[in-house]
Amino acid sequence: METLLFVLLAIVSIALITVVLLQSGRSAGLSGAISGGAEQLMGKQKARGVEAFLSKMTVVLAVLFFILTILLAYFL
């Protein structure tokens, strides 16, 4: 059981790293850092298409990562 959890955790970890690296940056330089937060707060930027898929996949993989980590800690 432990070996299976380790293998699943490794696969989910690699997938999570890949999905995070595939996402585009939300700000471009200093001007984006200053104004980007306000635009995101007001909801003017909405993810569409691939960005939405990557965002949802990040959440799913992060939840799986935490569940697998807790299960692995429980069984060890």
C-alpha atoms as a PDB file:
ATOM      1  CA  MET A   1       0.000   0.000   0.000  1.00  0.00           C
ATOM      2  CA  GLU A   2       2.824   2.373   0.862  1.00  0.00           C
ATOM      3  CA  THR A   3       4.569   1.720  -2.442  1.00  0.00           C
ATOM      4  CA  LEU A   4       1.385   2.431  -4.369  1.00  0.00           C
ATOM      5  CA  LEU A   5       0.892   5.707  -2.466  1.00  0.00           C
ATOM      6  CA  PHE A   6       4.506   6.724  -3.128  1.00  0.00           C
ATOM      7  CA  VAL A   7       4.138   6.045  -6.853  1.00  0.00           C
ATOM      8  CA  LEU A   8       0.816   7.935  -7.045  1.00  0.00           C
ATOM      9  CA  LEU A   9       2.312  10.833  -5.085  1.00  0.00           C
ATOM     10  CA  ALA A  10       5.275  11.013  -7.462  1.00  0.00           C
ATOM     11  CA  ILE A  11       3.005  11.004 -10.521  1.00  0.00           C
ATOM     12  CA  VAL A  12       0.698  13.666  -9.075  1.00  0.00           C
ATOM     13  CA  SER A  13       3.693  15.787  -8.035  1.00  0.00           C
ATOM     14  CA  ILE A  14       5.220  15.720 -11.508  1.00  0.00           C
ATOM     15  CA  ALA A  15       1.836  16.484 -13.091  1.00  0.00           C
ATOM     16  CA  LEU A  16       1.262  19.387 -10.679  1.00  0.00           C
ATOM     17  CA  ILE A  17       4.675  20.870 -11.433  1.00  0.00           C
ATOM     18  CA  THR A  18       4.044  20.532 -15.170  1.00  0.00           C
ATOM     19  CA  VAL A  19       0.600  22.157 -15.027  1.00  0.00           C
ATOM     20  CA  VAL A  20       1.870  25.071 -12.927  1.00  0.00           C
ATOM     21  CA  LEU A  21       4.764  25.669 -15.316  1.00  0.00           C
ATOM     22  CA  LEU A  22       2.435  25.623 -18.330  1.00  0.00           C
ATOM     23  CA  GLN A  23       0.316  28.449 -16.940  1.00  0.00           C
ATOM     24  CA  SER A  24       1.016  31.916 -18.224  1.00  0.00           C
ATOM     25  CA  GLY A  25       2.060  34.680 -15.873  1.00  0.00           C
ATOM     26  CA  ARG A  26      -0.674  36.995 -14.615  1.00  0.00           C
ATOM     27  CA  SER A  27       1.447  40.138 -14.669  1.00  0.00           C
ATOM     28  CA  ALA A  28       4.050  41.549 -17.010  1.00  0.00           C
ATOM     29  CA  GLY A  29       6.738  43.321 -15.093  1.00  0.00           C
ATOM     30  CA  LEU A  30       6.325  46.040 -12.494  1.00  0.00           C
ATOM     31  CA  SER A  31       3.336  47.712 -14.146  1.00  0.00           C
ATOM     32  CA  GLY A  32       1.459  44.432 -14.184  1.00  0.00           C
ATOM     33  CA  ALA A  33       2.277  43.832 -10.540  1.00  0.00           C
ATOM     34  CA  ILE A  34       0.789  47.186  -9.573  1.00  0.00           C
ATOM     35  CA  SER A  35      -2.333  47.151 -11.728  1.00  0.00           C
ATOM     36  CA  GLY A  36      -2.795  43.393 -12.005  1.00  0.00           C
ATOM     37  CA  GLY A  37      -4.157  43.015  -8.497  1.00  0.00           C
ATOM     38  CA  ALA A  38      -6.832  45.642  -9.039  1.00  0.00           C
ATOM     39  CA  GLU A  39      -7.990  44.083 -12.297  1.00  0.00           C
ATOM     40  CA  GLN A  40      -8.157  40.662 -10.750  1.00  0.00           C
ATOM     41  CA  LEU A  41     -10.021  42.025  -7.728  1.00  0.00           C
ATOM     42  CA  MET A  42     -12.675  43.645  -9.889  1.00  0.00           C
ATOM     43  CA  GLY A  43     -13.087  40.463 -11.929  1.00  0.00           C
ATOM     44  CA  LYS A  44     -12.177  41.910 -15.314  1.00  0.00           C
ATOM     45  CA  GLN A  45      -9.858  39.031 -16.137  1.00  0.00           C
ATOM     46  CA  LYS A  46     -11.608  35.717 -16.610  1.00  0.00           C
ATOM     47  CA  ALA A  47      -9.816  32.572 -17.617  1.00  0.00           C
ATOM     48  CA  ARG A  48     -11.019  31.015 -20.865  1.00  0.00           C
ATOM     49  CA  GLY A  49     -10.107  27.936 -22.811  1.00  0.00           C
ATOM     50  CA  VAL A  50      -6.749  26.447 -21.980  1.00  0.00           C
ATOM     51  CA  GLU A  51      -6.183  28.823 -19.065  1.00  0.00           C
ATOM     52  CA  ALA A  52      -9.429  27.701 -17.426  1.00  0.00           C
ATOM     53  CA  PHE A  53      -8.534  24.051 -17.929  1.00  0.00           C
ATOM     54  CA  LEU A  54      -5.059  24.529 -16.459  1.00  0.00           C
ATOM     55  CA  SER A  55      -6.490  26.418 -13.504  1.00  0.00           C
ATOM     56  CA  LYS A  56      -9.028  23.690 -12.742  1.00  0.00           C
ATOM     57  CA  MET A  57      -6.427  20.981 -13.230  1.00  0.00           C
ATOM     58  CA  THR A  58      -4.115  22.756 -10.775  1.00  0.00           C
ATOM     59  CA  VAL A  59      -6.814  22.715  -8.116  1.00  0.00           C
ATOM     60  CA  VAL A  60      -7.623  19.042  -8.712  1.00  0.00           C
ATOM     61  CA  LEU A  61      -3.979  17.996  -8.620  1.00  0.00           C
ATOM     62  CA  ALA A  62      -3.304  20.063  -5.492  1.00  0.00           C
ATOM     63  CA  VAL A  63      -6.214  18.419  -3.678  1.00  0.00           C
ATOM     64  CA  LEU A  64      -5.000  14.984  -4.780  1.00  0.00           C
ATOM     65  CA  PHE A  65      -1.492  15.865  -3.620  1.00  0.00           C
ATOM     66  CA  PHE A  66      -2.694  16.792  -0.138  1.00  0.00           C
ATOM     67  CA  ILE A  67      -4.959  13.733   0.162  1.00  0.00           C
ATOM     68  CA  LEU A  68      -2.163  11.386  -0.900  1.00  0.00           C
ATOM     69  CA  THR A  69       0.286  13.069   1.466  1.00  0.00           C
ATOM     70  CA  ILE A  70      -2.100  12.720   4.411  1.00  0.00           C
ATOM     71  CA  LEU A  71      -2.814   9.083   3.536  1.00  0.00           C
ATOM     72  CA  LEU A  72       0.875   8.355   3.256  1.00  0.00           C
ATOM     73  CA  ALA A  73       1.541   9.961   6.640  1.00  0.00           C
ATOM     74  CA  TYR A  74      -1.290   7.927   8.146  1.00  0.00           C
ATOM     75  CA  PHE A  75       0.051   4.609   6.838  1.00  0.00           C
ATOM     76  CA  LEU A  76       3.653   5.274   7.834  1.00  0.00           C
END
